Amino acid sequence: FNYNAMKELNEGTQMRSDWVIPICSGGERIRIDGEKAHT
């Protein structure tokens, strides 16, 4: 468990167990012929 790395990733504050991260969308979402490659 890389505690200090997580703390640095969170600007010096202990990383909590609730993570706010957007769903996969935009350019990251892989599409084939306009459809999601994986749902």
PDB file of all heavy atoms in Angstrom:
ATOM      1  N   PHE A   1       0.872  -1.180   0.000  1.00  0.00           N
ATOM      2  CA  PHE A   1       0.000   0.000   0.000  1.00  0.00           C
ATOM      3  C   PHE A   1       0.902   1.220   0.000  1.00  0.00           C
ATOM      4  O   PHE A   1       1.591   1.502   0.977  1.00  0.00           O
ATOM      5  CB  PHE A   1      -0.926   0.030   1.208  1.00  0.00           C
ATOM      6  CG  PHE A   1      -1.765   1.292   1.264  1.00  0.00           C
ATOM      7  CD1 PHE A   1      -2.472   1.727   0.146  1.00  0.00           C
ATOM      8  CD2 PHE A   1      -1.843   2.048   2.424  1.00  0.00           C
ATOM      9  CE1 PHE A   1      -3.233   2.878   0.174  1.00  0.00           C
ATOM     10  CE2 PHE A   1      -2.617   3.206   2.464  1.00  0.00           C
ATOM     11  CZ  PHE A   1      -3.306   3.624   1.343  1.00  0.00           C
ATOM     12  N   ASN A   2       0.919   1.936  -1.096  1.00  0.00           N
ATOM     13  CA  ASN A   2       1.789   3.096  -1.255  1.00  0.00           C
ATOM     14  C   ASN A   2       1.101   4.332  -0.692  1.00  0.00           C
ATOM     15  O   ASN A   2       0.668   5.234  -1.416  1.00  0.00           O
ATOM     16  CB  ASN A   2       2.144   3.277  -2.734  1.00  0.00           C
ATOM     17  CG  ASN A   2       2.903   2.090  -3.275  1.00  0.00           C
ATOM     18  OD1 ASN A   2       3.810   1.569  -2.621  1.00  0.00           O
ATOM     19  ND2 ASN A   2       2.550   1.646  -4.469  1.00  0.00           N
ATOM     20  N   TYR A   3       1.049   4.368   0.638  1.00  0.00           N
ATOM     21  CA  TYR A   3       0.310   5.417   1.348  1.00  0.00           C
ATOM     22  C   TYR A   3       0.807   6.811   0.983  1.00  0.00           C
ATOM     23  O   TYR A   3       0.021   7.707   0.666  1.00  0.00           O
ATOM     24  CB  TYR A   3       0.424   5.197   2.861  1.00  0.00           C
ATOM     25  CG  TYR A   3      -0.050   6.371   3.685  1.00  0.00           C
ATOM     26  CD1 TYR A   3      -1.410   6.555   3.945  1.00  0.00           C
ATOM     27  CD2 TYR A   3       0.846   7.306   4.200  1.00  0.00           C
ATOM     28  CE1 TYR A   3      -1.848   7.632   4.688  1.00  0.00           C
ATOM     29  CE2 TYR A   3       0.417   8.385   4.943  1.00  0.00           C
ATOM     30  CZ  TYR A   3      -0.931   8.546   5.186  1.00  0.00           C
ATOM     31  OH  TYR A   3      -1.370   9.620   5.908  1.00  0.00           O
ATOM     32  N   ASN A   4       2.120   7.002   1.035  1.00  0.00           N
ATOM     33  CA  ASN A   4       2.666   8.334   0.780  1.00  0.00           C
ATOM     34  C   ASN A   4       2.474   8.768  -0.672  1.00  0.00           C
ATOM     35  O   ASN A   4       2.260   9.953  -0.947  1.00  0.00           O
ATOM     36  CB  ASN A   4       4.144   8.370   1.163  1.00  0.00           C
ATOM     37  CG  ASN A   4       4.335   8.357   2.667  1.00  0.00           C
ATOM     38  OD1 ASN A   4       4.062   9.336   3.344  1.00  0.00           O
ATOM     39  ND2 ASN A   4       4.785   7.231   3.193  1.00  0.00           N
ATOM     40  N   ALA A   5       2.535   7.812  -1.598  1.00  0.00           N
ATOM     41  CA  ALA A   5       2.280   8.150  -3.000  1.00  0.00           C
ATOM     42  C   ALA A   5       0.844   8.618  -3.182  1.00  0.00           C
ATOM     43  O   ALA A   5       0.568   9.569  -3.923  1.00  0.00           O
ATOM     44  CB  ALA A   5       2.560   6.941  -3.882  1.00  0.00           C
ATOM     45  N   MET A   6      -0.095   7.956  -2.498  1.00  0.00           N
ATOM     46  CA  MET A   6      -1.495   8.366  -2.579  1.00  0.00           C
ATOM     47  C   MET A   6      -1.700   9.739  -1.951  1.00  0.00           C
ATOM     48  O   MET A   6      -2.489  10.560  -2.431  1.00  0.00           O
ATOM     49  CB  MET A   6      -2.391   7.342  -1.879  1.00  0.00           C
ATOM     50  CG  MET A   6      -2.533   6.018  -2.604  1.00  0.00           C
ATOM     51  SD  MET A   6      -3.375   6.190  -4.209  1.00  0.00           S
ATOM     52  CE  MET A   6      -1.963   6.285  -5.321  1.00  0.00           C
ATOM     53  N   LYS A   7      -0.982   9.987  -0.884  1.00  0.00           N
ATOM     54  CA  LYS A   7      -1.090  11.296  -0.225  1.00  0.00           C
ATOM     55  C   LYS A   7      -0.570  12.402  -1.139  1.00  0.00           C
ATOM     56  O   LYS A   7      -1.179  13.473  -1.254  1.00  0.00           O
ATOM     57  CB  LYS A   7      -0.312  11.264   1.088  1.00  0.00           C
ATOM     58  CG  LYS A   7      -0.536  12.471   1.974  1.00  0.00           C
ATOM     59  CD  LYS A   7       0.154  12.283   3.327  1.00  0.00           C
ATOM     60  CE  LYS A   7      -0.075  13.492   4.228  1.00  0.00           C
ATOM     61  NZ  LYS A   7       0.599  13.316   5.539  1.00  0.00           N
ATOM     62  N   GLU A   8       0.560  12.150  -1.801  1.00  0.00           N
ATOM     63  CA  GLU A   8       1.103  13.144  -2.730  1.00  0.00           C
ATOM     64  C   GLU A   8       0.181  13.335  -3.937  1.00  0.00           C
ATOM     65  O   GLU A   8       0.014  14.448  -4.432  1.00  0.00           O
ATOM     66  CB  GLU A   8       2.502  12.714  -3.193  1.00  0.00           C
ATOM     67  CG  GLU A   8       3.556  12.723  -2.098  1.00  0.00           C
ATOM     68  CD  GLU A   8       3.724  14.090  -1.458  1.00  0.00           C
ATOM     69  OE1 GLU A   8       3.619  15.110  -2.183  1.00  0.00           O
ATOM     70  OE2 GLU A   8       3.959  14.151  -0.236  1.00  0.00           O
ATOM     71  N   LEU A   9      -0.420  12.243  -4.399  1.00  0.00           N
ATOM     72  CA  LEU A   9      -1.357  12.335  -5.521  1.00  0.00           C
ATOM     73  C   LEU A   9      -2.540  13.229  -5.160  1.00  0.00           C
ATOM     74  O   LEU A   9      -3.166  13.836  -6.025  1.00  0.00           O
ATOM     75  CB  LEU A   9      -1.854  10.933  -5.899  1.00  0.00           C
ATOM     76  CG  LEU A   9      -2.566  10.772  -7.239  1.00  0.00           C
ATOM     77  CD1 LEU A   9      -1.609  11.000  -8.402  1.00  0.00           C
ATOM     78  CD2 LEU A   9      -3.186   9.383  -7.345  1.00  0.00           C
ATOM     79  N   ASN A  10      -2.833  13.303  -3.857  1.00  0.00           N
ATOM     80  CA  ASN A  10      -3.963  14.080  -3.352  1.00  0.00           C
ATOM     81  C   ASN A  10      -3.509  15.397  -2.731  1.00  0.00           C
ATOM     82  O   ASN A  10      -4.137  15.908  -1.802  1.00  0.00           O
ATOM     83  CB  ASN A  10      -4.733  13.250  -2.312  1.00  0.00           C
ATOM     84  CG  ASN A  10      -6.154  13.727  -2.121  1.00  0.00           C
ATOM     85  OD1 ASN A  10      -6.802  14.168  -3.059  1.00  0.00           O
ATOM     86  ND2 ASN A  10      -6.636  13.645  -0.894  1.00  0.00           N
ATOM     87  N   GLU A  11      -2.390  15.942  -3.222  1.00  0.00           N
ATOM     88  CA  GLU A  11      -1.852  17.234  -2.799  1.00  0.00           C
ATOM     89  C   GLU A  11      -1.580  17.304  -1.304  1.00  0.00           C
ATOM     90  O   GLU A  11      -1.901  18.273  -0.625  1.00  0.00           O
ATOM     91  CB  GLU A  11      -2.788  18.380  -3.221  1.00  0.00           C
ATOM     92  CG  GLU A  11      -2.892  18.555  -4.731  1.00  0.00           C
ATOM     93  CD  GLU A  11      -3.609  19.838  -5.124  1.00  0.00           C
ATOM     94  OE1 GLU A  11      -4.451  20.310  -4.333  1.00  0.00           O
ATOM     95  OE2 GLU A  11      -3.322  20.351  -6.215  1.00  0.00           O
ATOM     96  N   GLY A  12      -0.975  16.226  -0.783  1.00  0.00           N
ATOM     97  CA  GLY A  12      -0.531  16.248   0.598  1.00  0.00           C
ATOM     98  C   GLY A  12      -1.577  15.874   1.632  1.00  0.00           C
ATOM     99  O   GLY A  12      -1.303  15.895   2.831  1.00  0.00           O
ATOM    100  N   THR A  13      -2.775  15.536   1.174  1.00  0.00           N
ATOM    101  CA  THR A  13      -3.843  15.150   2.088  1.00  0.00           C
ATOM    102  C   THR A  13      -4.092  13.654   1.970  1.00  0.00           C
ATOM    103  O   THR A  13      -4.090  13.101   0.872  1.00  0.00           O
ATOM    104  CB  THR A  13      -5.150  15.908   1.760  1.00  0.00           C
ATOM    105  OG1 THR A  13      -4.901  17.313   1.843  1.00  0.00           O
ATOM    106  CG2 THR A  13      -6.258  15.532   2.730  1.00  0.00           C
ATOM    107  N   GLN A  14      -4.316  13.003   3.103  1.00  0.00           N
ATOM    108  CA  GLN A  14      -4.557  11.566   3.102  1.00  0.00           C
ATOM    109  C   GLN A  14      -5.676  11.201   2.124  1.00  0.00           C
ATOM    110  O   GLN A  14      -6.741  11.802   2.147  1.00  0.00           O
ATOM    111  CB  GLN A  14      -4.933  11.119   4.515  1.00  0.00           C
ATOM    112  CG  GLN A  14      -5.036   9.622   4.688  1.00  0.00           C
ATOM    113  CD  GLN A  14      -5.359   9.246   6.120  1.00  0.00           C
ATOM    114  OE1 GLN A  14      -6.479   9.432   6.575  1.00  0.00           O
ATOM    115  NE2 GLN A  14      -4.379   8.712   6.838  1.00  0.00           N
ATOM    116  N   MET A  15      -5.410  10.212   1.269  1.00  0.00           N
ATOM    117  CA  MET A  15      -6.406   9.799   0.277  1.00  0.00           C
ATOM    118  C   MET A  15      -7.583   9.119   0.965  1.00  0.00           C
ATOM    119  O   MET A  15      -7.404   8.232   1.790  1.00  0.00           O
ATOM    120  CB  MET A  15      -5.771   8.853  -0.738  1.00  0.00           C
ATOM    121  CG  MET A  15      -6.705   8.417  -1.864  1.00  0.00           C
ATOM    122  SD  MET A  15      -7.047   9.733  -3.067  1.00  0.00           S
ATOM    123  CE  MET A  15      -5.495   9.733  -3.998  1.00  0.00           C
ATOM    124  N   ARG A  16      -8.781   9.543   0.623  1.00  0.00           N
ATOM    125  CA  ARG A  16      -9.993   8.980   1.216  1.00  0.00           C
ATOM    126  C   ARG A  16     -10.513   7.819   0.382  1.00  0.00           C
ATOM    127  O   ARG A  16     -10.008   7.524  -0.685  1.00  0.00           O
ATOM    128  CB  ARG A  16     -11.074  10.071   1.315  1.00  0.00           C
ATOM    129  CG  ARG A  16     -10.746  11.167   2.297  1.00  0.00           C
ATOM    130  CD  ARG A  16     -11.592  12.419   2.079  1.00  0.00           C
ATOM    131  NE  ARG A  16     -12.966  12.138   1.717  1.00  0.00           N
ATOM    132  CZ  ARG A  16     -14.028  12.668   2.340  1.00  0.00           C
ATOM    133  NH1 ARG A  16     -13.857  13.454   3.386  1.00  0.00           N
ATOM    134  NH2 ARG A  16     -15.240  12.422   1.924  1.00  0.00           N
ATOM    135  N   SER A  17     -11.548   7.177   0.915  1.00  0.00           N
ATOM    136  CA  SER A  17     -12.110   6.005   0.239  1.00  0.00           C
ATOM    137  C   SER A  17     -13.257   6.362  -0.695  1.00  0.00           C
ATOM    138  O   SER A  17     -13.929   5.475  -1.209  1.00  0.00           O
ATOM    139  CB  SER A  17     -12.597   4.980   1.275  1.00  0.00           C
ATOM    140  OG  SER A  17     -13.620   5.537   2.080  1.00  0.00           O
ATOM    141  N   ASP A  18     -13.485   7.640  -0.936  1.00  0.00           N
ATOM    142  CA  ASP A  18     -14.455   8.044  -1.964  1.00  0.00           C
ATOM    143  C   ASP A  18     -13.695   8.784  -3.055  1.00  0.00           C
ATOM    144  O   ASP A  18     -13.105   9.818  -2.816  1.00  0.00           O
ATOM    145  CB  ASP A  18     -15.592   8.893  -1.381  1.00  0.00           C
ATOM    146  CG  ASP A  18     -15.089  10.092  -0.591  1.00  0.00           C
ATOM    147  OD1 ASP A  18     -13.946  10.042  -0.082  1.00  0.00           O
ATOM    148  OD2 ASP A  18     -15.825  11.088  -0.481  1.00  0.00           O
ATOM    149  N   TRP A  19     -13.717   8.206  -4.246  1.00  0.00           N
ATOM    150  CA  TRP A  19     -12.942   8.723  -5.363  1.00  0.00           C
ATOM    151  C   TRP A  19     -13.885   9.351  -6.398  1.00  0.00           C
ATOM    152  O   TRP A  19     -14.769   8.669  -6.919  1.00  0.00           O
ATOM    153  CB  TRP A  19     -12.154   7.606  -6.038  1.00  0.00           C
ATOM    154  CG  TRP A  19     -11.161   6.925  -5.144  1.00  0.00           C
ATOM    155  CD1 TRP A  19     -10.800   7.260  -3.875  1.00  0.00           C
ATOM    156  CD2 TRP A  19     -10.380   5.760  -5.483  1.00  0.00           C
ATOM    157  NE1 TRP A  19      -9.860   6.398  -3.393  1.00  0.00           N
ATOM    158  CE2 TRP A  19      -9.574   5.466  -4.350  1.00  0.00           C
ATOM    159  CE3 TRP A  19     -10.290   4.955  -6.611  1.00  0.00           C
ATOM    160  CZ2 TRP A  19      -8.700   4.386  -4.334  1.00  0.00           C
ATOM    161  CZ3 TRP A  19      -9.418   3.881  -6.597  1.00  0.00           C
ATOM    162  CH2 TRP A  19      -8.621   3.600  -5.471  1.00  0.00           C
ATOM    163  N   VAL A  20     -13.674  10.608  -6.702  1.00  0.00           N
ATOM    164  CA  VAL A  20     -14.479  11.289  -7.716  1.00  0.00           C
ATOM    165  C   VAL A  20     -13.715  11.259  -9.037  1.00  0.00           C
ATOM    166  O   VAL A  20     -12.710  11.954  -9.206  1.00  0.00           O
ATOM    167  CB  VAL A  20     -14.795  12.738  -7.306  1.00  0.00           C
ATOM    168  CG1 VAL A  20     -15.666  13.405  -8.367  1.00  0.00           C
ATOM    169  CG2 VAL A  20     -15.480  12.779  -5.947  1.00  0.00           C
ATOM    170  N   ILE A  21     -14.170  10.433  -9.954  1.00  0.00           N
ATOM    171  CA  ILE A  21     -13.514  10.238 -11.250  1.00  0.00           C
ATOM    172  C   ILE A  21     -14.604  10.126 -12.309  1.00  0.00           C
ATOM    173  O   ILE A  21     -15.593   9.414 -12.112  1.00  0.00           O
ATOM    174  CB  ILE A  21     -12.664   8.949 -11.247  1.00  0.00           C
ATOM    175  CG1 ILE A  21     -11.524   9.057 -10.213  1.00  0.00           C
ATOM    176  CG2 ILE A  21     -12.095   8.652 -12.626  1.00  0.00           C
ATOM    177  CD1 ILE A  21     -10.730   7.776 -10.030  1.00  0.00           C
ATOM    178  N   PRO A  22     -14.472  10.824 -13.441  1.00  0.00           N
ATOM    179  CA  PRO A  22     -15.511  10.727 -14.475  1.00  0.00           C
ATOM    180  C   PRO A  22     -15.542   9.363 -15.141  1.00  0.00           C
ATOM    181  O   PRO A  22     -14.533   8.640 -15.157  1.00  0.00           O
ATOM    182  CB  PRO A  22     -15.119  11.820 -15.475  1.00  0.00           C
ATOM    183  CG  PRO A  22     -13.650  12.017 -15.271  1.00  0.00           C
ATOM    184  CD  PRO A  22     -13.400  11.763 -13.812  1.00  0.00           C
ATOM    185  N   ILE A  23     -16.700   8.993 -15.675  1.00  0.00           N
ATOM    186  CA  ILE A  23     -16.808   7.747 -16.425  1.00  0.00           C
ATOM    187  C   ILE A  23     -16.040   7.881 -17.734  1.00  0.00           C
ATOM    188  O   ILE A  23     -15.695   8.980 -18.163  1.00  0.00           O
ATOM    189  CB  ILE A  23     -18.277   7.367 -16.715  1.00  0.00           C
ATOM    190  CG1 ILE A  23     -18.954   8.444 -17.580  1.00  0.00           C
ATOM    191  CG2 ILE A  23     -19.046   7.157 -15.428  1.00  0.00           C
ATOM    192  CD1 ILE A  23     -20.354   8.057 -18.037  1.00  0.00           C
ATOM    193  N   CYS A  24     -15.754   6.768 -18.343  1.00  0.00           N
ATOM    194  CA  CYS A  24     -15.009   6.759 -19.594  1.00  0.00           C
ATOM    195  C   CYS A  24     -15.841   7.403 -20.700  1.00  0.00           C
ATOM    196  O   CYS A  24     -16.954   6.965 -20.997  1.00  0.00           O
ATOM    197  CB  CYS A  24     -14.666   5.324 -19.963  1.00  0.00           C
ATOM    198  SG  CYS A  24     -13.569   5.186 -21.367  1.00  0.00           S
ATOM    199  N   SER A  25     -15.318   8.462 -21.298  1.00  0.00           N
ATOM    200  CA  SER A  25     -16.070   9.175 -22.340  1.00  0.00           C
ATOM    201  C   SER A  25     -15.092   9.898 -23.255  1.00  0.00           C
ATOM    202  O   SER A  25     -13.874   9.814 -23.080  1.00  0.00           O
ATOM    203  CB  SER A  25     -17.040  10.180 -21.705  1.00  0.00           C
ATOM    204  OG  SER A  25     -16.332  11.133 -20.925  1.00  0.00           O
ATOM    205  N   GLY A  26     -15.620  10.612 -24.213  1.00  0.00           N
ATOM    206  CA  GLY A  26     -14.786  11.412 -25.109  1.00  0.00           C
ATOM    207  C   GLY A  26     -13.794  10.580 -25.885  1.00  0.00           C
ATOM    208  O   GLY A  26     -14.077   9.461 -26.310  1.00  0.00           O
ATOM    209  N   GLY A  27     -12.577  11.105 -26.025  1.00  0.00           N
ATOM    210  CA  GLY A  27     -11.559  10.438 -26.819  1.00  0.00           C
ATOM    211  C   GLY A  27     -11.062   9.149 -26.204  1.00  0.00           C
ATOM    212  O   GLY A  27     -10.528   8.287 -26.903  1.00  0.00           O
ATOM    213  N   GLU A  28     -11.236   8.986 -24.884  1.00  0.00           N
ATOM    214  CA  GLU A  28     -10.776   7.754 -24.239  1.00  0.00           C
ATOM    215  C   GLU A  28     -11.684   6.573 -24.569  1.00  0.00           C
ATOM    216  O   GLU A  28     -11.241   5.430 -24.609  1.00  0.00           O
ATOM    217  CB  GLU A  28     -10.723   7.948 -22.718  1.00  0.00           C
ATOM    218  CG  GLU A  28     -10.159   6.738 -21.991  1.00  0.00           C
ATOM    219  CD  GLU A  28     -10.175   6.897 -20.483  1.00  0.00           C
ATOM    220  OE1 GLU A  28     -10.438   8.020 -19.995  1.00  0.00           O
ATOM    221  OE2 GLU A  28      -9.931   5.896 -19.784  1.00  0.00           O
ATOM    222  N   ARG A  29     -12.959   6.851 -24.796  1.00  0.00           N
ATOM    223  CA  ARG A  29     -13.912   5.777 -25.094  1.00  0.00           C
ATOM    224  C   ARG A  29     -13.625   5.201 -26.479  1.00  0.00           C
ATOM    225  O   ARG A  29     -13.643   5.910 -27.481  1.00  0.00           O
ATOM    226  CB  ARG A  29     -15.332   6.314 -25.032  1.00  0.00           C
ATOM    227  CG  ARG A  29     -16.398   5.400 -25.557  1.00  0.00           C
ATOM    228  CD  ARG A  29     -16.578   4.159 -24.701  1.00  0.00           C
ATOM    229  NE  ARG A  29     -17.310   4.422 -23.470  1.00  0.00           N
ATOM    230  CZ  ARG A  29     -17.745   3.463 -22.648  1.00  0.00           C
ATOM    231  NH1 ARG A  29     -17.510   2.193 -22.942  1.00  0.00           N
ATOM    232  NH2 ARG A  29     -18.376   3.774 -21.552  1.00  0.00           N
ATOM    233  N   ILE A  30     -13.339   3.924 -26.526  1.00  0.00           N
ATOM    234  CA  ILE A  30     -13.036   3.267 -27.799  1.00  0.00           C
ATOM    235  C   ILE A  30     -14.344   2.979 -28.537  1.00  0.00           C
ATOM    236  O   ILE A  30     -15.266   2.375 -27.966  1.00  0.00           O
ATOM    237  CB  ILE A  30     -12.268   1.957 -27.570  1.00  0.00           C
ATOM    238  CG1 ILE A  30     -10.974   2.239 -26.799  1.00  0.00           C
ATOM    239  CG2 ILE A  30     -11.965   1.266 -28.892  1.00  0.00           C
ATOM    240  CD1 ILE A  30     -10.245   0.990 -26.364  1.00  0.00           C
ATOM    241  N   ARG A  31     -14.411   3.401 -29.781  1.00  0.00           N
ATOM    242  CA  ARG A  31     -15.613   3.179 -30.592  1.00  0.00           C
ATOM    243  C   ARG A  31     -15.241   2.552 -31.925  1.00  0.00           C
ATOM    244  O   ARG A  31     -14.171   2.818 -32.480  1.00  0.00           O
ATOM    245  CB  ARG A  31     -16.366   4.495 -30.828  1.00  0.00           C
ATOM    246  CG  ARG A  31     -16.907   5.118 -29.552  1.00  0.00           C
ATOM    247  CD  ARG A  31     -17.688   6.401 -29.817  1.00  0.00           C
ATOM    248  NE  ARG A  31     -18.179   6.996 -28.589  1.00  0.00           N
ATOM    249  CZ  ARG A  31     -19.320   6.668 -27.994  1.00  0.00           C
ATOM    250  NH1 ARG A  31     -20.101   5.747 -28.565  1.00  0.00           N
ATOM    251  NH2 ARG A  31     -19.699   7.242 -26.871  1.00  0.00           N
ATOM    252  N   ILE A  32     -16.131   1.730 -32.418  1.00  0.00           N
ATOM    253  CA  ILE A  32     -15.987   1.111 -33.734  1.00  0.00           C
ATOM    254  C   ILE A  32     -17.244   1.411 -34.520  1.00  0.00           C
ATOM    255  O   ILE A  32     -18.356   1.049 -34.098  1.00  0.00           O
ATOM    256  CB  ILE A  32     -15.762  -0.406 -33.614  1.00  0.00           C
ATOM    257  CG1 ILE A  32     -14.463  -0.691 -32.843  1.00  0.00           C
ATOM    258  CG2 ILE A  32     -15.714  -1.049 -34.998  1.00  0.00           C
ATOM    259  CD1 ILE A  32     -14.210  -2.152 -32.613  1.00  0.00           C
ATOM    260  N   ASP A  33     -17.072   2.106 -35.641  1.00  0.00           N
ATOM    261  CA  ASP A  33     -18.221   2.532 -36.458  1.00  0.00           C
ATOM    262  C   ASP A  33     -19.227   3.307 -35.622  1.00  0.00           C
ATOM    263  O   ASP A  33     -20.451   3.162 -35.766  1.00  0.00           O
ATOM    264  CB  ASP A  33     -18.903   1.319 -37.105  1.00  0.00           C
ATOM    265  CG  ASP A  33     -17.989   0.572 -38.062  1.00  0.00           C
ATOM    266  OD1 ASP A  33     -17.142   1.238 -38.696  1.00  0.00           O
ATOM    267  OD2 ASP A  33     -18.112  -0.659 -38.166  1.00  0.00           O
ATOM    268  N   GLY A  34     -18.719   4.124 -34.732  1.00  0.00           N
ATOM    269  CA  GLY A  34     -19.582   4.984 -33.927  1.00  0.00           C
ATOM    270  C   GLY A  34     -20.181   4.334 -32.709  1.00  0.00           C
ATOM    271  O   GLY A  34     -20.775   5.011 -31.867  1.00  0.00           O
ATOM    272  N   GLU A  35     -20.032   3.021 -32.554  1.00  0.00           N
ATOM    273  CA  GLU A  35     -20.600   2.304 -31.410  1.00  0.00           C
ATOM    274  C   GLU A  35     -19.508   1.981 -30.391  1.00  0.00           C
ATOM    275  O   GLU A  35     -18.351   1.791 -30.742  1.00  0.00           O
ATOM    276  CB  GLU A  35     -21.252   0.993 -31.885  1.00  0.00           C
ATOM    277  CG  GLU A  35     -22.387   1.189 -32.875  1.00  0.00           C
ATOM    278  CD  GLU A  35     -23.584   1.887 -32.256  1.00  0.00           C
ATOM    279  OE1 GLU A  35     -23.837   1.659 -31.049  1.00  0.00           O
ATOM    280  OE2 GLU A  35     -24.257   2.659 -32.968  1.00  0.00           O
ATOM    281  N   LYS A  36     -19.901   1.930 -29.116  1.00  0.00           N
ATOM    282  CA  LYS A  36     -18.946   1.577 -28.074  1.00  0.00           C
ATOM    283  C   LYS A  36     -18.337   0.204 -28.362  1.00  0.00           C
ATOM    284  O   LYS A  36     -19.067  -0.759 -28.608  1.00  0.00           O
ATOM    285  CB  LYS A  36     -19.628   1.530 -26.709  1.00  0.00           C
ATOM    286  CG  LYS A  36     -20.133   2.875 -26.198  1.00  0.00           C
ATOM    287  CD  LYS A  36     -20.844   2.690 -24.859  1.00  0.00           C
ATOM    288  CE  LYS A  36     -21.401   3.998 -24.337  1.00  0.00           C
ATOM    289  NZ  LYS A  36     -22.163   3.806 -23.063  1.00  0.00           N
ATOM    290  N   ALA A  37     -17.010   0.132 -28.298  1.00  0.00           N
ATOM    291  CA  ALA A  37     -16.350  -1.156 -28.519  1.00  0.00           C
ATOM    292  C   ALA A  37     -16.638  -2.113 -27.373  1.00  0.00           C
ATOM    293  O   ALA A  37     -16.732  -3.321 -27.575  1.00  0.00           O
ATOM    294  CB  ALA A  37     -14.848  -0.954 -28.671  1.00  0.00           C
ATOM    295  N   HIS A  38     -16.780  -1.574 -26.175  1.00  0.00           N
ATOM    296  CA  HIS A  38     -17.096  -2.387 -24.991  1.00  0.00           C
ATOM    297  C   HIS A  38     -18.028  -1.561 -24.109  1.00  0.00           C
ATOM    298  O   HIS A  38     -17.747  -0.407 -23.810  1.00  0.00           O
ATOM    299  CB  HIS A  38     -15.821  -2.760 -24.237  1.00  0.00           C
ATOM    300  CG  HIS A  38     -16.015  -3.875 -23.259  1.00  0.00           C
ATOM    301  ND1 HIS A  38     -16.737  -3.728 -22.088  1.00  0.00           N
ATOM    302  CD2 HIS A  38     -15.572  -5.162 -23.254  1.00  0.00           C
ATOM    303  CE1 HIS A  38     -16.739  -4.860 -21.423  1.00  0.00           C
ATOM    304  NE2 HIS A  38     -16.043  -5.760 -22.116  1.00  0.00           N
ATOM    305  N   THR A  39     -19.104  -2.176 -23.673  1.00  0.00           N
ATOM    306  CA  THR A  39     -20.132  -1.407 -22.959  1.00  0.00           C
ATOM    307  C   THR A  39     -19.704  -0.980 -21.563  1.00  0.00           C
ATOM    308  O   THR A  39     -20.250  -0.009 -21.018  1.00  0.00           O
ATOM    309  CB  THR A  39     -21.430  -2.229 -22.839  1.00  0.00           C
ATOM    310  OG1 THR A  39     -21.117  -3.522 -22.323  1.00  0.00           O
ATOM    311  CG2 THR A  39     -22.106  -2.361 -24.188  1.00  0.00           C
TER     312      THR A  39
END
